[in-house]
Protein backbone atom coordinates (compact mmCIF):
# COMPACT_ATOMS: atom_id res chain seq x y z
CA MET A 1 -149.10 46.84 -216.63
CA GLU A 2 -151.34 48.77 -214.17
CA ILE A 3 -148.52 51.14 -213.68
CA LEU A 4 -148.94 52.54 -217.19
CA THR A 5 -152.12 54.53 -216.50
CA LEU A 6 -153.86 56.73 -219.03
CA ASP A 7 -152.52 60.00 -217.60
CA LYS A 8 -148.94 58.70 -218.34
CA ILE A 9 -149.50 57.82 -222.06
CA GLN A 10 -149.14 60.65 -224.69
CA ILE A 11 -149.43 60.55 -228.37
CA LYS A 12 -147.62 63.33 -230.53
CA ASP A 13 -147.17 63.51 -234.40
CA ALA A 14 -143.45 64.47 -234.17
CA VAL A 15 -140.55 65.92 -232.07
CA ASP A 16 -137.41 67.71 -233.15
CA ASN A 17 -134.98 65.30 -231.52
CA TRP A 18 -134.55 62.48 -229.26
CA GLU A 19 -133.71 64.66 -226.15
CA GLN A 20 -137.06 66.41 -226.65
CA ALA A 21 -138.73 62.89 -227.07
CA ILE A 22 -137.20 61.86 -223.57
CA ASP A 23 -138.37 65.23 -222.04
CA ILE A 24 -141.83 65.00 -223.32
CA ALA A 25 -142.27 61.32 -222.38
CA SER A 26 -140.99 62.15 -218.86
CA HIS A 27 -143.52 65.09 -218.15
CA PRO A 28 -146.30 62.99 -216.73
CA LEU A 29 -144.03 61.36 -214.12
CA LEU A 30 -142.32 64.68 -213.36
CA GLN A 31 -145.63 66.47 -212.93
CA GLN A 32 -146.84 63.71 -210.56
CA GLY A 33 -143.72 63.87 -208.47
CA TYR A 34 -142.18 60.63 -209.38
CA PHE A 35 -138.72 62.34 -209.78
CA GLU A 36 -136.99 65.64 -209.98
CA LYS A 37 -136.09 67.36 -213.23
CA SER A 38 -132.32 66.25 -212.66
CA TYR A 39 -133.48 62.62 -213.44
CA ILE A 40 -134.53 63.69 -217.00
CA ASP A 41 -131.06 65.37 -217.35
CA ALA A 42 -129.57 62.12 -216.19
CA MET A 43 -131.42 59.97 -218.67
CA ILE A 44 -130.39 62.40 -221.59
CA ASN A 45 -126.73 62.39 -220.48
CA SER A 46 -126.84 58.67 -220.19
CA VAL A 47 -127.45 58.25 -224.05
CA LYS A 48 -125.03 60.95 -224.78
CA GLU A 49 -122.27 59.28 -222.86
CA LEU A 50 -123.23 55.59 -223.65
CA GLY A 51 -124.91 55.88 -227.07
CA PRO A 52 -128.44 54.74 -228.08
CA TYR A 53 -128.59 51.60 -225.69
CA ILE A 54 -132.05 52.77 -224.64
CA VAL A 55 -133.25 51.71 -228.10
CA ILE A 56 -134.00 47.96 -227.18
CA ALA A 57 -135.46 46.93 -230.43
CA PRO A 58 -136.62 48.69 -233.69
CA GLU A 59 -139.11 51.51 -232.85
CA ILE A 60 -138.68 50.80 -229.04
CA ALA A 61 -136.85 53.04 -226.51
CA ILE A 62 -136.85 52.64 -222.71
CA ALA A 63 -135.36 55.75 -221.25
CA HIS A 64 -133.88 55.45 -217.83
CA ALA A 65 -130.91 56.39 -215.53
CA ARG A 66 -129.26 55.00 -212.44
CA PRO A 67 -131.44 55.15 -209.39
CA ASN A 68 -130.60 58.23 -207.17
CA GLU A 69 -132.07 60.28 -204.50
CA ASP A 70 -133.99 62.46 -207.13
CA VAL A 71 -136.35 59.52 -207.83
CA LYS A 72 -139.25 59.15 -205.38
CA GLN A 73 -141.05 56.16 -206.76
CA VAL A 74 -141.01 53.47 -209.49
CA GLY A 75 -142.95 54.75 -212.51
CA LEU A 76 -143.54 54.26 -216.15
CA SER A 77 -144.75 56.48 -218.86
CA LEU A 78 -145.02 56.30 -222.67
CA LEU A 79 -144.73 58.81 -225.48
CA LYS A 80 -146.02 57.28 -228.93
CA LEU A 81 -144.86 59.26 -231.83
CA ASN A 82 -146.47 59.06 -235.24
CA GLN A 83 -143.07 59.95 -236.87
CA HIS A 84 -140.16 58.07 -235.36
CA ILE A 85 -137.02 59.76 -234.13
CA ASN A 86 -133.44 58.82 -234.69
CA PHE A 87 -131.30 58.29 -231.44
CA SER A 88 -128.05 58.16 -233.32
CA GLN A 89 -126.23 58.37 -236.68
CA ASP A 90 -126.40 54.56 -236.85
CA ASN A 91 -130.21 54.79 -237.46
CA HIS A 92 -131.54 53.72 -234.10
CA PHE A 93 -135.12 54.82 -234.60
CA ALA A 94 -137.94 54.74 -232.00
CA SER A 95 -141.71 55.69 -232.07
CA LEU A 96 -142.56 54.22 -228.70
CA ILE A 97 -140.53 56.13 -225.94
CA PHE A 98 -141.01 54.66 -222.53
CA VAL A 99 -139.56 56.39 -219.40
CA LEU A 100 -139.04 54.16 -216.36
CA SER A 101 -137.99 55.66 -212.99
CA ALA A 102 -136.16 53.46 -210.52
CA VAL A 103 -135.66 54.04 -206.85
CA ASP A 104 -133.17 51.18 -206.50
CA ASN A 105 -131.58 48.39 -208.56
CA GLU A 106 -134.40 45.88 -208.07
CA GLY A 107 -137.70 47.57 -207.70
CA HIS A 108 -138.27 48.25 -211.36
CA LEU A 109 -137.07 44.77 -212.77
CA GLU A 110 -140.55 43.23 -212.66
CA ILE A 111 -142.00 46.23 -214.74
CA LEU A 112 -138.98 45.83 -217.13
CA ARG A 113 -139.67 42.01 -217.46
CA THR A 114 -143.39 42.55 -218.14
CA LEU A 115 -142.55 45.25 -220.67
CA ALA A 116 -140.00 43.49 -222.46
CA SER A 117 -142.36 40.36 -222.59
CA THR A 118 -145.19 42.33 -224.07
CA LEU A 119 -142.88 44.26 -226.42
CA SER A 120 -141.37 40.95 -227.72
CA ASP A 121 -144.79 40.25 -229.55
CA LYS A 122 -144.36 41.80 -232.92
CA GLU A 123 -148.11 41.87 -233.35
CA THR A 124 -148.37 43.82 -230.10
CA VAL A 125 -145.79 46.24 -231.17
CA ASN A 126 -147.51 46.77 -234.50
CA LYS A 127 -150.78 47.54 -232.80
CA LEU A 128 -149.13 50.06 -230.60
CA LEU A 129 -147.54 51.73 -233.67
CA ALA A 130 -150.81 51.88 -235.38
CA ALA A 131 -152.70 53.20 -232.24
CA THR A 132 -154.35 56.58 -232.68
CA ASP A 133 -155.55 57.29 -229.10
CA VAL A 134 -154.38 56.88 -225.53
CA ALA A 135 -157.32 54.50 -224.54
CA GLU A 136 -156.38 52.20 -227.47
CA ILE A 137 -152.91 51.93 -226.24
CA LYS A 138 -154.02 51.18 -222.81
CA GLN A 139 -156.39 48.34 -224.20
CA ILE A 140 -153.27 46.87 -226.06
CA PHE A 141 -151.33 46.67 -222.79
CA LYS A 142 -154.26 45.00 -221.03
CA GLY A 143 -154.21 42.27 -223.72
CA GLU A 144 -157.77 43.12 -225.03
């Protein structure tokens, strides 16, 4: 998970809604030129059209959209919320909002596999949810 660097991890107490969560989670990648602003809009529109499919497990969302020309490189960022946000009326809550940018249909799959493997461990997820600073989150992903 070397791709998830300290400058791409944020911690916030709370946000107003899931759209804001995706927007804030995207900022490090946007500012570093991984993609254009239109990719953030595409991620939000995907959830509006398809529902909360990005909430892959309790407390975990991986925001992404179809690869397009607005994405310059594969990237991953994380927004950890101290107060989870609801992605739908059906109670799809998430505190860990990842943003994944994909340039094609294959390049990001290894990142997704590694992320899924890490997040399938309940103890790891609980450590992430309890983390209070960015360095601590990075250490958890390093497996230390």
